[in-house]
Amino acid sequence: MVNIKKPWSHEWLLAATTALLALVFASQSADFLTLGNLYDLVNNYAMLLILACGLFIVLISGGVDISFPAITIIAQYVMVTLLMKVGGNFLVAFLIAGGVGMVLGLANAVLVNRLRVPSIIITLSTLNIFYGLLLYLSKGVWLYQYPSWFEGGMVLMNFNVGGDDYPIGLPILTLLVVLVVTGVLMYSTRVGRQIYAMGGNREAASRLGFSIFRLQLFVYGFMGLLSGVAGVVQSYTVMTVAPDSLLGYELTVLAAVVLGGTSIVGGRGTLTGTVLGVVLLAILQNGLNLLGISSYWHTLITGLVIVVSISTTAWSQRSKLEVLS
């Protein structure tokens, strides 16, 4: 029997909520639906969605990783420092940042597996360890100098609308590649199915012969890799590396993924929901900015939206269990 999602599934509710918010903001601000604003939204939130793809996989596996902001900054710092010394190109930049991120992610996996401590505790510890080491070694110095080719940018194509240029550059291209890779990985490979199985029931997955340690290495290593990739994208966007620039960012990304319907205990969630969660969060924050609402209210309003979303999902799942029983 084909399993057709009901129109009130979480993804549909997210899409409807996003559309409603967009209509509200469009009616209150003439700038909201302009091509320039939407273009800036995609570029500015590309990094968040890239990180959300990595965290989505970690949560599906039954783990939690909140150390990725520190990993992202370290990958950026190492990348920019090496590029200024040895040169290179964007491929080299991704290899350096992605490699550094993957190594730190694998360290998280080893600690989570060997110490048998909840992953949120381990990654909270490594978040502080990584940040502490970065601040000690860098002495808190910001980096502003980039190679000329990095500052020149990378553009695949350029659209001119109404006299304004809208280049399809590194952030959008990288985001599209990450989305495709994550989707193929989770829905078209054996590893993706094993990650879902491990998150649903780790003991059962182990009895079926799945290597929990290898899967954890893959999951946290992939999170680290995407952290490095996101670091390149952020560097390209702001042309600055600040050691403390992403402090607290882990909660924003976690909120977006959970808002998308991914279970924080593992085994349940979709990439589509994750994308919609990020889109909803982006539209909400952007709309509030355009309306001139103080940033102090952003966190409160975002939190309320997430609570309502999680409550709706829990109510829906409880209803299904009642029907089955």
Protein backbone atom coordinates (compact mmCIF):
# COMPACT_ATOMS: atom_id res chain seq x y z
CA MET A 1 0.00 0.00 0.00
CA VAL A 2 1.32 3.44 -0.90
CA ASN A 3 1.73 5.71 2.08
CA ILE A 4 0.30 9.10 1.06
CA LYS A 5 0.87 11.89 3.53
CA LYS A 6 -2.23 13.56 4.81
CA PRO A 7 -2.69 17.24 4.02
CA TRP A 8 -2.25 18.11 7.70
CA SER A 9 1.21 16.50 7.98
CA HIS A 10 3.90 18.56 9.64
CA GLU A 11 5.47 19.61 6.33
CA TRP A 12 2.14 20.89 5.03
CA LEU A 13 1.52 22.79 8.25
CA LEU A 14 4.97 24.36 8.04
CA ALA A 15 4.43 25.34 4.41
CA ALA A 16 1.03 26.84 5.22
CA THR A 17 2.44 28.75 8.21
CA THR A 18 5.33 30.05 6.11
CA ALA A 19 2.97 31.20 3.35
CA LEU A 20 0.72 32.92 5.89
CA LEU A 21 3.67 34.72 7.50
CA ALA A 22 4.93 35.80 4.08
CA LEU A 23 1.51 37.27 3.24
CA VAL A 24 1.37 39.13 6.54
CA PHE A 25 4.85 40.61 6.15
CA ALA A 26 4.23 41.44 2.48
CA SER A 27 1.10 43.36 3.45
CA GLN A 28 3.01 45.32 6.08
CA SER A 29 6.25 45.97 4.19
CA ALA A 30 6.62 46.75 0.50
CA ASP A 31 10.24 45.58 0.63
CA PHE A 32 9.51 42.02 1.78
CA LEU A 33 8.66 40.38 -1.56
CA THR A 34 11.17 42.34 -3.60
CA LEU A 35 13.69 40.31 -5.57
CA GLY A 36 16.55 42.00 -3.74
CA ASN A 37 15.25 41.04 -0.31
CA LEU A 38 14.54 37.42 -1.31
CA TYR A 39 17.95 37.15 -2.94
CA ASP A 40 19.63 38.43 0.23
CA LEU A 41 17.59 35.97 2.29
CA VAL A 42 18.90 32.98 0.34
CA ASN A 43 22.52 34.15 0.54
CA ASN A 44 22.39 35.16 4.19
CA TYR A 45 20.74 31.96 5.39
CA ALA A 46 22.73 29.57 3.19
CA MET A 47 25.17 28.90 6.01
CA LEU A 48 22.36 28.17 8.48
CA LEU A 49 20.74 25.67 6.11
CA ILE A 50 24.07 23.94 5.42
CA LEU A 51 24.63 23.48 9.16
CA ALA A 52 20.99 22.40 9.56
CA CYS A 53 21.56 19.59 7.03
CA GLY A 54 24.41 18.25 9.15
CA LEU A 55 22.52 18.57 12.42
CA PHE A 56 19.47 16.93 10.81
CA ILE A 57 21.52 13.77 10.24
CA VAL A 58 22.95 13.85 13.77
CA LEU A 59 19.48 14.14 15.30
CA ILE A 60 18.12 11.36 13.08
CA SER A 61 20.91 9.10 14.39
CA GLY A 62 19.76 9.71 17.95
CA GLY A 63 22.58 12.08 18.88
CA VAL A 64 22.97 15.81 19.42
CA ASP A 65 25.90 17.98 18.37
CA ILE A 66 26.17 21.55 19.62
CA SER A 67 29.91 21.96 19.09
CA PHE A 68 29.64 22.87 15.40
CA PRO A 69 29.86 26.68 15.85
CA ALA A 70 33.33 26.26 17.32
CA ILE A 71 34.26 23.77 14.60
CA THR A 72 33.08 26.23 11.94
CA ILE A 73 35.18 29.06 13.32
CA ILE A 74 38.29 26.89 13.75
CA ALA A 75 37.94 25.61 10.17
CA GLN A 76 37.62 29.22 8.98
CA TYR A 77 40.64 30.37 10.94
CA VAL A 78 42.87 27.55 9.71
CA MET A 79 41.63 27.94 6.13
CA VAL A 80 42.25 31.69 5.91
CA THR A 81 45.64 31.44 7.64
CA LEU A 82 46.87 28.71 5.27
CA LEU A 83 45.46 30.36 2.15
CA MET A 84 47.33 33.57 2.96
CA LYS A 85 50.57 31.57 3.32
CA VAL A 86 50.39 28.98 0.54
CA GLY A 87 47.70 30.34 -1.81
CA GLY A 88 45.22 28.14 -3.64
CA ASN A 89 41.68 28.36 -4.95
CA PHE A 90 38.14 27.69 -3.74
CA LEU A 91 38.60 23.92 -4.04
CA VAL A 92 41.64 24.16 -1.75
CA ALA A 93 39.63 26.34 0.64
CA PHE A 94 36.87 23.71 0.89
CA LEU A 95 39.41 20.90 1.29
CA ILE A 96 41.20 22.68 4.14
CA ALA A 97 38.07 23.80 6.00
CA GLY A 98 36.20 20.56 5.37
CA GLY A 99 39.19 18.48 6.44
CA VAL A 100 39.66 20.39 9.69
CA GLY A 101 35.94 20.18 10.42
CA MET A 102 35.83 16.45 9.72
CA VAL A 103 38.76 15.73 12.05
CA LEU A 104 37.06 17.59 14.91
CA GLY A 105 33.76 15.87 14.13
CA LEU A 106 35.44 12.45 14.25
CA ALA A 107 36.90 13.38 17.64
CA ASN A 108 33.36 14.01 18.85
CA ALA A 109 32.28 10.59 17.55
CA VAL A 110 35.10 8.79 19.35
CA LEU A 111 34.32 10.53 22.63
CA VAL A 112 30.57 9.87 22.34
CA ASN A 113 31.12 6.19 21.59
CA ARG A 114 33.92 5.39 24.01
CA LEU A 115 32.80 7.40 27.01
CA ARG A 116 29.15 6.34 26.63
CA VAL A 117 27.99 9.71 27.89
CA PRO A 118 24.99 11.49 26.31
CA SER A 119 26.18 13.23 23.16
CA ILE A 120 24.82 16.60 24.27
CA ILE A 121 27.16 16.49 27.29
CA ILE A 122 30.16 15.50 25.17
CA THR A 123 29.59 18.13 22.51
CA LEU A 124 28.86 20.80 25.10
CA SER A 125 32.27 19.99 26.55
CA THR A 126 34.03 19.97 23.19
CA LEU A 127 32.28 23.23 22.27
CA ASN A 128 34.04 24.91 25.19
CA ILE A 129 37.31 23.04 24.60
CA PHE A 130 37.43 24.00 20.92
CA TYR A 131 36.52 27.62 21.64
CA GLY A 132 39.06 27.80 24.45
CA LEU A 133 41.86 26.44 22.27
CA LEU A 134 40.94 28.80 19.44
CA LEU A 135 40.92 31.87 21.68
CA TYR A 136 44.21 30.83 23.28
CA LEU A 137 46.02 30.16 20.01
CA SER A 138 44.54 33.10 18.11
CA LYS A 139 44.58 35.44 21.13
CA GLY A 140 41.17 36.62 19.97
CA VAL A 141 42.59 38.35 16.88
CA TRP A 142 40.14 38.90 14.03
CA LEU A 143 41.19 38.06 10.47
CA TYR A 144 40.43 40.57 7.73
CA GLN A 145 42.92 39.75 4.99
CA TYR A 146 41.93 37.30 2.28
CA PRO A 147 43.63 36.31 -0.98
CA SER A 148 42.62 38.52 -3.91
CA TRP A 149 40.96 35.62 -5.74
CA PHE A 150 38.81 34.93 -2.66
CA GLU A 151 37.69 38.54 -2.46
CA GLY A 152 37.02 38.52 -6.20
CA GLY A 153 34.42 35.84 -5.64
CA MET A 154 33.07 33.03 -7.76
CA VAL A 155 30.01 33.52 -9.98
CA LEU A 156 28.43 30.82 -12.14
CA MET A 157 25.97 33.16 -13.85
CA ASN A 158 24.63 36.64 -13.36
CA PHE A 159 21.08 37.91 -13.78
CA ASN A 160 20.37 41.58 -14.35
CA VAL A 161 16.87 42.62 -13.34
CA GLY A 162 15.82 46.25 -13.36
CA GLY A 163 19.43 47.37 -13.55
CA ASP A 164 20.47 45.34 -10.50
CA ASP A 165 22.80 42.32 -10.64
CA TYR A 166 21.87 39.06 -8.94
CA PRO A 167 24.85 36.70 -9.28
CA ILE A 168 24.49 32.99 -8.59
CA GLY A 169 27.66 32.57 -6.61
CA LEU A 170 29.39 30.44 -4.01
CA PRO A 171 26.75 30.47 -1.20
CA ILE A 172 23.85 29.38 -3.44
CA LEU A 173 25.90 26.84 -5.41
CA THR A 174 27.32 25.30 -2.23
CA LEU A 175 23.88 25.14 -0.64
CA LEU A 176 22.42 23.33 -3.67
CA VAL A 177 25.25 20.76 -3.64
CA VAL A 178 24.84 20.14 0.11
CA LEU A 179 21.07 19.68 -0.23
CA VAL A 180 21.47 17.18 -3.08
CA VAL A 181 24.22 15.22 -1.29
CA THR A 182 22.27 15.10 1.98
CA GLY A 183 19.07 14.00 0.23
CA VAL A 184 20.79 11.24 -1.74
CA LEU A 185 22.67 10.10 1.35
CA MET A 186 19.61 9.79 3.58
CA TYR A 187 17.07 8.46 1.08
CA SER A 188 19.04 6.53 -1.54
CA THR A 189 21.86 4.80 0.33
CA ARG A 190 22.19 1.95 2.80
CA VAL A 191 24.02 4.25 5.22
CA GLY A 192 21.02 6.59 5.33
CA ARG A 193 18.65 3.74 6.15
CA GLN A 194 21.02 2.49 8.84
CA ILE A 195 21.17 5.98 10.39
CA TYR A 196 17.38 6.07 10.59
CA ALA A 197 17.36 2.57 12.09
CA MET A 198 20.01 3.45 14.67
CA GLY A 199 18.08 6.53 15.71
CA GLY A 200 14.83 4.60 15.98
CA ASN A 201 16.22 1.76 18.09
CA ARG A 202 19.96 1.55 18.66
CA GLU A 203 19.86 -1.84 20.38
CA ALA A 204 17.83 -3.38 17.57
CA ALA A 205 20.15 -1.85 14.96
CA SER A 206 23.14 -3.33 16.75
CA ARG A 207 21.51 -6.77 16.83
CA LEU A 208 20.94 -6.53 13.09
CA GLY A 209 24.68 -6.21 12.65
CA PHE A 210 25.01 -2.48 12.14
CA SER A 211 28.28 -1.03 13.40
CA ILE A 212 27.16 1.72 15.76
CA PHE A 213 30.68 3.11 16.05
CA ARG A 214 31.15 3.37 12.28
CA LEU A 215 27.78 5.04 11.89
CA GLN A 216 28.64 7.54 14.62
CA LEU A 217 31.96 8.25 12.94
CA PHE A 218 30.10 8.92 9.71
CA VAL A 219 27.40 11.07 11.30
CA TYR A 220 29.65 13.31 13.38
CA GLY A 221 32.30 13.37 10.68
CA PHE A 222 29.69 14.57 8.19
CA MET A 223 28.55 17.23 10.65
CA GLY A 224 32.14 18.39 10.97
CA LEU A 225 32.59 18.39 7.20
CA LEU A 226 29.52 20.58 6.69
CA SER A 227 30.71 22.85 9.49
CA GLY A 228 33.89 23.44 7.50
CA VAL A 229 31.89 23.98 4.30
CA ALA A 230 29.66 26.46 6.12
CA GLY A 231 32.79 28.22 7.33
CA VAL A 232 33.91 28.85 3.76
CA VAL A 233 30.47 30.18 2.86
CA GLN A 234 30.42 32.55 5.84
CA SER A 235 33.94 33.77 5.07
CA TYR A 236 32.87 34.46 1.49
CA THR A 237 29.84 36.39 2.71
CA VAL A 238 31.38 38.58 5.44
CA MET A 239 35.11 38.53 4.55
CA THR A 240 35.96 38.39 8.23
CA VAL A 241 36.81 35.69 10.76
CA ALA A 242 35.84 36.58 14.31
CA PRO A 243 36.64 33.94 16.96
CA ASP A 244 33.41 34.61 18.85
CA SER A 245 31.08 35.42 15.94
CA LEU A 246 28.98 32.24 16.19
CA LEU A 247 28.53 32.05 19.94
CA GLY A 248 24.97 30.89 20.59
CA TYR A 249 24.42 29.94 16.95
CA GLU A 250 23.97 26.29 17.89
CA LEU A 251 20.58 27.08 19.44
CA THR A 252 19.39 28.86 16.29
CA VAL A 253 20.29 25.90 14.06
CA LEU A 254 18.85 23.39 16.53
CA ALA A 255 15.63 25.42 16.69
CA ALA A 256 15.33 25.41 12.89
CA VAL A 257 15.83 21.64 12.61
CA VAL A 258 13.42 20.83 15.45
CA LEU A 259 10.96 23.31 13.97
CA GLY A 260 11.15 21.21 10.80
CA GLY A 261 9.79 18.22 12.67
CA THR A 262 13.00 16.25 13.30
CA SER A 263 12.76 14.33 16.56
CA ILE A 264 15.39 15.24 19.11
CA VAL A 265 15.44 11.59 20.30
CA GLY A 266 16.19 10.23 16.83
CA GLY A 267 14.73 8.11 14.07
CA ARG A 268 12.18 10.58 12.74
CA GLY A 269 12.39 13.62 10.50
CA THR A 270 12.72 14.70 6.86
CA LEU A 271 15.09 16.89 4.91
CA THR A 272 12.07 18.69 3.44
CA GLY A 273 10.90 19.56 6.94
CA THR A 274 14.37 20.82 7.83
CA VAL A 275 14.44 23.10 4.78
CA LEU A 276 10.96 24.41 5.62
CA GLY A 277 12.02 24.98 9.23
CA VAL A 278 14.95 27.13 8.10
CA VAL A 279 12.77 28.99 5.58
CA LEU A 280 10.16 29.73 8.24
CA LEU A 281 12.79 30.97 10.67
CA ALA A 282 14.44 33.11 7.97
CA ILE A 283 11.14 34.69 6.90
CA LEU A 284 10.16 35.33 10.50
CA GLN A 285 13.43 37.05 11.41
CA ASN A 286 13.60 38.99 8.15
CA GLY A 287 10.00 40.15 8.40
CA LEU A 288 10.46 41.33 11.98
CA ASN A 289 13.54 43.30 10.92
CA LEU A 290 11.68 44.97 8.06
CA LEU A 291 8.87 45.92 10.41
CA GLY A 292 11.38 47.59 12.72
CA ILE A 293 10.61 45.30 15.66
CA SER A 294 13.39 45.24 18.24
CA SER A 295 15.75 42.28 18.01
CA TYR A 296 15.02 41.56 21.68
CA TRP A 297 11.60 40.33 20.62
CA HIS A 298 12.94 38.05 17.88
CA THR A 299 14.02 35.29 20.24
CA LEU A 300 10.72 35.38 22.14
CA ILE A 301 8.58 35.23 19.01
CA THR A 302 10.77 32.53 17.44
CA GLY A 303 10.54 30.48 20.62
CA LEU A 304 6.74 30.75 20.66
CA VAL A 305 6.54 29.59 17.04
CA ILE A 306 8.75 26.59 17.82
CA VAL A 307 6.69 25.65 20.89
CA VAL A 308 3.49 25.77 18.84
CA SER A 309 5.12 23.71 16.09
CA ILE A 310 6.42 21.03 18.46
CA SER A 311 3.07 20.91 20.27
CA THR A 312 1.26 20.41 16.97
CA THR A 313 3.62 17.59 15.99
CA ALA A 314 3.24 15.89 19.39
CA TRP A 315 -0.55 16.16 19.21
CA SER A 316 -0.54 14.67 15.70
CA GLN A 317 1.65 11.74 16.76
CA ARG A 318 -0.47 11.11 19.84
CA SER A 319 -3.59 11.03 17.69
CA LYS A 320 -2.00 8.45 15.37
CA LEU A 321 -1.02 6.24 18.33
CA GLU A 322 -4.58 6.42 19.67
CA VAL A 323 -5.95 5.35 16.29
CA LEU A 324 -3.51 2.44 16.08
CA SER A 325 -4.37 1.28 19.60
